[in-house]
N, C-alpha and C. Protein backbone atom coordinates (compact mmCIF):
# COMPACT_ATOMS: atom_id res chain seq x y z
N MET A 1 118.80 188.84 37.64
CA MET A 1 117.93 189.31 38.71
C MET A 1 117.14 190.52 38.39
N GLY A 2 117.74 191.45 37.60
CA GLY A 2 117.21 192.64 37.16
C GLY A 2 115.99 192.48 36.24
N ASP A 3 116.10 191.36 35.43
CA ASP A 3 114.97 191.04 34.42
C ASP A 3 113.80 190.59 35.20
N PHE A 4 113.96 189.76 36.25
CA PHE A 4 112.91 189.28 37.17
C PHE A 4 112.17 190.39 37.74
N ILE A 5 112.97 191.38 38.34
CA ILE A 5 112.27 192.61 38.95
C ILE A 5 111.49 193.39 37.92
N ALA A 6 112.02 193.48 36.73
CA ALA A 6 111.34 194.20 35.74
C ALA A 6 109.94 193.51 35.32
N LEU A 7 109.93 192.24 35.34
CA LEU A 7 108.71 191.46 35.05
C LEU A 7 107.70 191.37 36.23
N MET A 8 108.16 191.80 37.46
CA MET A 8 107.42 191.51 38.58
C MET A 8 106.04 192.29 38.53
N PRO A 9 105.90 193.51 38.03
CA PRO A 9 104.51 194.17 37.87
C PRO A 9 103.58 193.33 36.96
N LEU A 10 104.20 192.75 35.88
CA LEU A 10 103.36 192.04 34.90
C LEU A 10 102.94 190.71 35.54
N ILE A 11 103.76 190.07 36.31
CA ILE A 11 103.41 188.79 37.02
C ILE A 11 102.36 189.13 38.05
N THR A 12 102.45 190.28 38.71
CA THR A 12 101.54 190.67 39.73
C THR A 12 100.17 190.84 39.11
N VAL A 13 100.01 191.53 37.98
CA VAL A 13 98.78 191.82 37.29
C VAL A 13 98.10 190.47 36.90
N PHE A 14 98.88 189.59 36.38
CA PHE A 14 98.30 188.29 35.93
C PHE A 14 97.90 187.41 37.11
N LEU A 15 98.65 187.56 38.24
CA LEU A 15 98.24 186.83 39.52
C LEU A 15 96.93 187.39 40.03
N LEU A 16 96.81 188.71 40.05
CA LEU A 16 95.51 189.40 40.53
C LEU A 16 94.44 189.04 39.58
N PHE A 17 94.60 189.07 38.39
CA PHE A 17 93.59 188.68 37.41
C PHE A 17 93.10 187.27 37.61
N TYR A 18 93.99 186.40 37.85
CA TYR A 18 93.67 185.00 38.20
C TYR A 18 92.82 184.87 39.54
N LEU A 19 93.33 185.49 40.57
CA LEU A 19 92.66 185.44 41.88
C LEU A 19 91.31 186.15 41.90
N ILE A 20 91.13 187.24 41.27
CA ILE A 20 89.98 188.11 41.41
C ILE A 20 88.86 187.58 40.35
N LEU A 21 89.25 187.21 39.17
CA LEU A 21 88.27 186.86 38.14
C LEU A 21 88.16 185.38 37.88
N TYR A 22 89.22 184.63 37.65
CA TYR A 22 89.12 183.33 37.21
C TYR A 22 88.55 182.31 38.24
N ILE A 23 89.20 182.45 39.43
CA ILE A 23 88.79 181.41 40.44
C ILE A 23 87.30 181.56 40.85
N PRO A 24 86.72 182.86 41.12
CA PRO A 24 85.31 182.84 41.42
C PRO A 24 84.46 182.40 40.17
N GLN A 25 84.73 182.68 39.00
CA GLN A 25 84.02 182.20 37.87
C GLN A 25 84.02 180.77 37.74
N ARG A 26 85.15 180.10 38.08
CA ARG A 26 85.20 178.65 38.01
C ARG A 26 84.27 178.02 39.04
N ARG A 27 84.22 178.66 40.23
CA ARG A 27 83.33 178.21 41.34
C ARG A 27 81.86 178.32 40.96
N ARG A 28 81.46 179.41 40.30
CA ARG A 28 80.12 179.64 39.82
C ARG A 28 79.79 178.49 38.77
N GLN A 29 80.72 178.25 37.83
CA GLN A 29 80.41 177.20 36.82
C GLN A 29 80.25 175.90 37.45
N LYS A 30 81.12 175.48 38.52
CA LYS A 30 80.89 174.21 39.08
C LYS A 30 79.61 174.14 39.81
N LYS A 31 79.18 175.23 40.50
CA LYS A 31 77.92 175.29 41.24
C LYS A 31 76.78 175.14 40.21
N HIS A 32 76.81 175.86 39.04
CA HIS A 32 75.78 175.76 38.09
C HIS A 32 75.67 174.34 37.43
N LYS A 33 76.86 173.72 37.23
CA LYS A 33 76.80 172.38 36.72
C LYS A 33 76.20 171.46 37.63
N SER A 34 76.48 171.51 38.86
CA SER A 34 75.90 170.59 39.87
C SER A 34 74.42 170.84 40.01
N TYR A 35 73.91 172.10 39.82
CA TYR A 35 72.62 172.42 39.86
C TYR A 35 71.88 171.80 38.63
N ILE A 36 72.44 171.85 37.48
CA ILE A 36 71.80 171.29 36.23
C ILE A 36 71.81 169.73 36.40
N GLU A 37 72.73 169.16 36.91
CA GLU A 37 72.82 167.70 37.03
C GLU A 37 71.82 167.23 38.02
N ALA A 38 71.48 168.10 39.04
CA ALA A 38 70.51 167.66 40.08
C ALA A 38 69.00 167.93 39.64
N LEU A 39 68.82 168.57 38.49
CA LEU A 39 67.46 168.87 37.99
C LEU A 39 66.63 167.68 37.98
N LYS A 40 65.41 167.76 38.37
CA LYS A 40 64.45 166.64 38.27
C LYS A 40 63.06 167.26 37.81
N ILE A 41 62.23 166.37 37.29
CA ILE A 41 60.87 166.77 36.77
C ILE A 41 60.07 167.26 38.03
N GLY A 42 59.39 168.40 37.83
CA GLY A 42 58.73 169.04 38.90
C GLY A 42 59.42 170.26 39.48
N ASP A 43 60.67 170.37 39.31
CA ASP A 43 61.42 171.51 39.87
C ASP A 43 60.98 172.88 39.12
N ASP A 44 60.84 173.89 40.06
CA ASP A 44 60.53 175.27 39.55
C ASP A 44 61.88 175.84 39.19
N VAL A 45 61.96 176.49 38.07
CA VAL A 45 63.17 177.08 37.55
C VAL A 45 62.86 178.47 37.01
N VAL A 46 63.89 179.27 36.86
CA VAL A 46 63.75 180.53 36.11
C VAL A 46 65.01 180.65 35.14
N THR A 47 64.71 181.09 33.91
CA THR A 47 65.70 181.14 32.85
C THR A 47 66.51 182.46 33.04
N GLU A 48 67.63 182.49 32.20
CA GLU A 48 68.41 183.76 32.26
C GLU A 48 67.53 184.99 31.83
N SER A 49 66.56 184.70 30.98
CA SER A 49 65.74 185.85 30.48
C SER A 49 64.56 186.22 31.44
N GLY A 50 64.47 185.48 32.54
CA GLY A 50 63.42 185.77 33.55
C GLY A 50 62.13 185.06 33.38
N ILE A 51 62.21 183.92 32.64
CA ILE A 51 60.89 183.20 32.46
C ILE A 51 60.83 182.09 33.54
N TYR A 52 59.79 182.07 34.29
CA TYR A 52 59.55 181.17 35.27
C TYR A 52 58.76 180.03 34.76
N GLY A 53 59.15 178.71 35.15
CA GLY A 53 58.44 177.54 34.65
C GLY A 53 58.73 176.39 35.59
N ARG A 54 58.00 175.24 35.20
CA ARG A 54 58.28 173.98 35.93
C ARG A 54 58.82 172.90 34.87
N VAL A 55 59.74 172.25 35.29
CA VAL A 55 60.33 171.16 34.44
C VAL A 55 59.40 170.00 34.29
N THR A 56 59.07 169.71 33.01
CA THR A 56 58.16 168.53 32.72
C THR A 56 58.94 167.42 31.97
N ASN A 57 60.03 167.71 31.35
CA ASN A 57 60.82 166.70 30.64
C ASN A 57 62.20 167.15 30.63
N ILE A 58 63.14 166.18 30.82
CA ILE A 58 64.57 166.50 30.74
C ILE A 58 65.18 165.66 29.57
N LYS A 59 65.83 166.39 28.64
CA LYS A 59 66.61 165.82 27.57
C LYS A 59 68.07 165.96 27.83
N GLU A 60 68.88 165.48 26.98
CA GLU A 60 70.32 165.58 27.03
C GLU A 60 70.85 166.93 27.22
N GLU A 61 70.44 167.82 26.37
CA GLU A 61 70.93 169.25 26.39
C GLU A 61 69.88 170.30 26.58
N SER A 62 68.68 169.86 26.86
CA SER A 62 67.59 170.86 26.98
C SER A 62 66.58 170.29 28.00
N VAL A 63 65.71 171.18 28.45
CA VAL A 63 64.59 170.80 29.26
C VAL A 63 63.34 171.38 28.68
N ILE A 64 62.16 170.79 28.96
CA ILE A 64 60.88 171.28 28.58
C ILE A 64 60.22 171.84 29.84
N LEU A 65 59.90 173.13 29.74
CA LEU A 65 59.21 173.85 30.89
C LEU A 65 57.69 174.08 30.52
N VAL A 66 56.90 173.90 31.51
CA VAL A 66 55.53 174.22 31.35
C VAL A 66 55.35 175.65 31.95
N LEU A 67 54.71 176.45 31.29
CA LEU A 67 54.36 177.87 31.71
C LEU A 67 52.91 177.99 31.88
N LYS A 68 52.51 179.06 32.34
CA LYS A 68 51.06 179.32 32.49
C LYS A 68 50.32 179.19 31.16
N LYS A 69 50.98 179.57 30.10
CA LYS A 69 50.30 179.52 28.84
C LYS A 69 50.98 178.66 27.82
N GLY A 70 51.31 177.43 28.21
CA GLY A 70 51.97 176.49 27.23
C GLY A 70 53.28 175.91 27.70
N GLU A 71 54.09 175.42 26.79
CA GLU A 71 55.37 174.85 27.09
C GLU A 71 56.44 175.52 26.24
N ILE A 72 57.68 175.46 26.71
CA ILE A 72 58.87 175.98 26.08
C ILE A 72 59.96 175.03 26.30
N GLU A 73 60.83 174.90 25.24
CA GLU A 73 62.00 174.12 25.41
C GLU A 73 63.26 175.03 25.36
N ILE A 74 64.13 174.87 26.43
CA ILE A 74 65.33 175.68 26.45
C ILE A 74 66.54 174.91 26.74
N LEU A 75 67.74 175.42 26.48
CA LEU A 75 68.92 174.79 26.80
C LEU A 75 69.17 174.78 28.33
N LYS A 76 69.65 173.67 28.87
CA LYS A 76 69.97 173.58 30.32
C LYS A 76 70.87 174.67 30.71
N SER A 77 71.91 175.05 29.88
CA SER A 77 72.82 176.08 30.28
C SER A 77 72.24 177.46 30.59
N LYS A 78 71.03 177.64 30.11
CA LYS A 78 70.34 178.95 30.27
C LYS A 78 69.47 179.02 31.47
N LEU A 79 69.55 177.99 32.32
CA LEU A 79 68.64 178.03 33.58
C LEU A 79 69.44 178.65 34.69
N LEU A 80 68.82 179.33 35.55
CA LEU A 80 69.37 179.95 36.78
C LEU A 80 68.90 179.29 37.97
N HIS A 81 69.54 179.50 39.15
CA HIS A 81 69.07 179.04 40.42
C HIS A 81 67.86 179.78 40.75
N LYS A 82 66.86 179.15 41.44
CA LYS A 82 65.66 179.82 41.94
C LYS A 82 65.80 179.96 43.42
């Protein structure tokens, strides 16, 4: 029983880490994944670097965006919600 009490602070720290950091991050990842899966041609998007564009083509791992001055191809994982 004394060993368990000695490990209680360590267990508490891991539990807090899980509750405060891991669960919200997992929710954000699920939300982002559903956003990426729902992308369609004509959607306005913004990239992680702040580039605004409109989706003109969707590939397996990337999308083609049309900008005011041309087109750009970026990874889907680098798109943010608009």
